[in-house]
């Protein structure tokens, strides 16, 4: 079904807005996936701070060129859907990757992160990274550990001084 020039321009603009907000793109094929499956995948991606859209290859490529992103021509073939990661790239990659494991219809083609094109294996590696809240907690733990040890060391030194003063005062009283 042909679309009008006006509609094409609207789609390119819409894709461009999504690209501006995105930190990464996860590109998939979805041949044969029923609408209910697409909705399930969209919900999972939305929960991971992203969006999942079925795109027209040529229009998505135009929007990517306009946004200054590399266009993976080999991935923009056939039925294409893109996961746009707005905040937590590993979480969006994991949501899509987990869905592809359970679905015979959705396959990872690859992705784009920054100015780098990722293959399907690299997207899988990205999906294996811990989510952002876990990374933050680990970082906080790393920052907090030296401070805790320092407080313990200072407190033990103070305790020793107090014990010496107490022992000296008790000896003086006798």
Protein backbone atom coordinates (compact mmCIF):
# COMPACT_ATOMS: atom_id res chain seq x y z
CA UNK A 1 0.00 0.00 0.00
CA UNK A 2 1.55 3.27 -1.15
CA UNK A 3 1.77 6.19 1.26
CA UNK A 4 1.62 9.86 0.42
CA UNK A 5 4.63 12.19 0.40
CA UNK A 6 3.14 14.03 3.34
CA UNK A 7 2.85 10.81 5.35
CA UNK A 8 6.44 9.87 4.41
CA UNK A 9 7.68 13.23 5.69
CA UNK A 10 5.70 12.76 8.92
CA UNK A 11 7.23 9.30 9.44
CA UNK A 12 10.78 10.53 8.78
CA UNK A 13 10.20 13.36 11.27
CA UNK A 14 8.75 10.92 13.85
CA UNK A 15 11.69 8.53 13.43
CA UNK A 16 14.06 11.50 13.73
CA UNK A 17 12.49 12.54 17.04
CA UNK A 18 12.83 9.00 18.37
CA UNK A 19 16.47 8.88 17.23
CA UNK A 20 17.28 12.16 19.00
CA UNK A 21 15.96 10.78 22.31
CA UNK A 22 17.63 7.38 21.90
CA UNK A 23 20.97 6.28 23.27
CA UNK A 24 20.90 3.12 21.13
CA UNK A 25 18.83 1.22 18.57
CA UNK A 26 18.15 -2.51 18.58
CA UNK A 27 17.19 -3.66 15.08
CA UNK A 28 15.09 -6.80 14.62
CA UNK A 29 13.09 -8.67 12.03
CA UNK A 30 9.58 -9.72 12.99
CA UNK A 31 8.29 -11.82 10.08
CA UNK A 32 5.17 -13.75 11.02
CA UNK A 33 4.77 -12.25 14.50
CA UNK A 34 1.08 -11.73 15.30
CA UNK A 35 -0.12 -8.32 16.54
CA UNK A 36 -0.60 -9.72 20.05
CA UNK A 37 3.09 -10.70 20.10
CA UNK A 38 4.18 -7.24 18.95
CA UNK A 39 2.08 -5.66 21.70
CA UNK A 40 3.66 -7.96 24.30
CA UNK A 41 7.15 -7.02 23.09
CA UNK A 42 6.25 -3.31 23.06
CA UNK A 43 5.05 -3.54 26.66
CA UNK A 44 8.28 -5.24 27.78
CA UNK A 45 10.41 -2.62 26.01
CA UNK A 46 8.31 0.22 27.47
CA UNK A 47 8.90 -1.20 30.97
CA UNK A 48 12.64 -0.93 30.20
CA UNK A 49 12.45 2.80 29.31
CA UNK A 50 12.27 2.34 25.57
CA UNK A 51 9.91 2.04 22.62
CA UNK A 52 9.51 -0.61 19.94
CA UNK A 53 8.31 0.43 16.49
CA UNK A 54 7.78 -1.33 13.18
CA UNK A 55 9.51 0.89 10.63
CA UNK A 56 9.71 1.39 6.90
CA UNK A 57 13.32 0.64 5.95
CA UNK A 58 13.92 3.47 3.50
CA UNK A 59 12.31 6.08 5.74
CA UNK A 60 14.20 4.88 8.83
CA UNK A 61 17.44 5.01 6.81
CA UNK A 62 16.69 8.59 5.74
CA UNK A 63 16.01 9.59 9.37
CA UNK A 64 19.23 7.91 10.51
CA UNK A 65 21.26 9.77 7.85
CA UNK A 66 19.63 13.06 8.87
CA UNK A 67 20.47 12.33 12.53
CA UNK A 68 24.11 11.67 11.60
CA UNK A 69 23.97 7.98 12.51
CA UNK A 70 25.51 5.17 10.48
CA UNK A 71 22.94 3.26 8.43
CA UNK A 72 23.46 -0.51 8.58
CA UNK A 73 22.21 -1.21 5.03
CA UNK A 74 22.40 -4.99 5.49
CA UNK A 75 20.04 -4.77 8.50
CA UNK A 76 17.52 -2.52 6.79
CA UNK A 77 16.16 -5.33 4.61
CA UNK A 78 12.86 -7.19 4.93
CA UNK A 79 10.50 -6.67 7.83
CA UNK A 80 12.22 -4.38 10.30
CA UNK A 81 11.31 -3.19 13.78
CA UNK A 82 13.53 -1.03 15.95
CA UNK A 83 13.79 -0.88 19.72
CA UNK A 84 14.69 2.65 20.80
CA UNK A 85 16.56 2.73 24.13
CA UNK A 86 16.02 6.08 25.85
CA UNK A 87 17.64 5.57 29.26
CA UNK A 88 18.82 2.05 30.05
CA UNK A 89 20.32 0.47 26.92
CA UNK A 90 21.15 -2.94 28.48
CA UNK A 91 17.60 -3.27 29.84
CA UNK A 92 16.02 -2.62 26.43
CA UNK A 93 18.50 -4.97 24.75
CA UNK A 94 17.71 -7.63 27.36
CA UNK A 95 13.93 -7.25 26.93
CA UNK A 96 14.22 -7.71 23.18
CA UNK A 97 16.85 -10.44 23.41
CA UNK A 98 14.80 -12.43 25.93
CA UNK A 99 11.75 -12.12 23.70
CA UNK A 100 13.70 -13.41 20.68
CA UNK A 101 14.74 -16.51 22.64
CA UNK A 102 11.08 -17.42 23.19
CA UNK A 103 9.83 -16.38 19.74
CA UNK A 104 10.46 -18.08 16.44
CA UNK A 105 9.30 -14.94 14.59
CA UNK A 106 11.53 -12.19 16.03
CA UNK A 107 15.25 -12.26 15.24
CA UNK A 108 17.98 -9.83 16.26
CA UNK A 109 19.64 -8.19 13.27
CA UNK A 110 21.94 -5.89 15.22
CA UNK A 111 21.93 -2.34 16.45
CA UNK A 112 23.44 1.11 16.52
CA UNK A 113 24.98 2.68 19.60
CA UNK A 114 26.49 6.10 19.24
CA UNK A 115 28.25 6.06 15.88
CA UNK A 116 28.98 2.34 16.01
CA UNK A 117 27.03 -0.42 14.27
CA UNK A 118 26.61 -3.54 16.43
CA UNK A 119 26.04 -7.05 15.14
CA UNK A 120 23.55 -9.46 16.74
CA UNK A 121 26.27 -11.02 18.92
CA UNK A 122 27.30 -7.62 20.30
CA UNK A 123 23.66 -6.76 21.06
CA UNK A 124 23.44 -10.08 22.94
CA UNK A 125 26.53 -9.12 24.95
CA UNK A 126 24.95 -5.74 25.68
CA UNK A 127 21.83 -7.54 26.90
CA UNK A 128 23.93 -9.56 29.35
CA UNK A 129 25.11 -6.41 31.15
CA UNK A 130 23.40 -5.69 34.47
CA UNK A 131 20.59 -3.10 34.45
CA UNK A 132 21.35 0.50 35.41
CA UNK A 133 20.01 0.30 39.02
CA UNK A 134 22.27 -2.69 39.71
CA UNK A 135 25.31 -0.88 38.28
CA UNK A 136 24.50 2.16 40.41
CA UNK A 137 24.21 0.01 43.54
CA UNK A 138 27.54 -1.68 42.77
CA UNK A 139 29.22 1.69 42.20
CA UNK A 140 27.78 3.05 45.45
CA UNK A 141 29.09 -0.01 47.27
CA UNK A 142 32.56 0.52 45.80
CA UNK A 143 32.55 4.17 46.84
CA UNK A 144 31.16 3.40 50.30
CA UNK A 145 33.61 0.59 51.19
CA UNK A 146 36.77 2.73 51.66
CA UNK A 147 34.81 5.28 53.72
CA UNK A 148 33.46 2.52 55.97
CA UNK A 149 36.94 1.08 56.45
CA UNK A 150 38.34 4.55 57.23
CA UNK A 151 35.66 5.15 59.87
CA UNK A 152 36.39 1.75 61.39
CA UNK A 153 40.12 2.47 61.52
CA UNK A 154 39.66 5.92 63.06
CA UNK A 155 37.14 4.58 65.57
CA UNK A 156 39.47 1.76 66.63
CA UNK A 157 42.30 4.28 67.17
CA UNK A 158 40.02 6.49 69.27
CA UNK A 159 38.90 3.42 71.27
CA UNK A 160 42.52 2.55 72.00
CA UNK A 161 43.25 6.09 73.18
CA UNK A 162 40.13 6.06 75.40
CA UNK A 163 41.15 2.68 76.85
CA UNK A 164 44.66 3.96 77.63
CA UNK A 165 43.26 7.13 79.29
CA UNK A 166 40.73 5.06 81.25
CA UNK A 167 43.44 2.62 82.40
CA UNK A 168 45.72 5.53 83.38
CA UNK A 169 42.89 7.26 85.28
CA UNK A 170 42.03 4.00 87.11
CA UNK A 171 45.71 3.53 87.99
CA UNK A 172 45.89 7.12 89.28
CA UNK A 173 42.86 6.58 91.51
CA UNK A 174 44.48 3.58 93.16
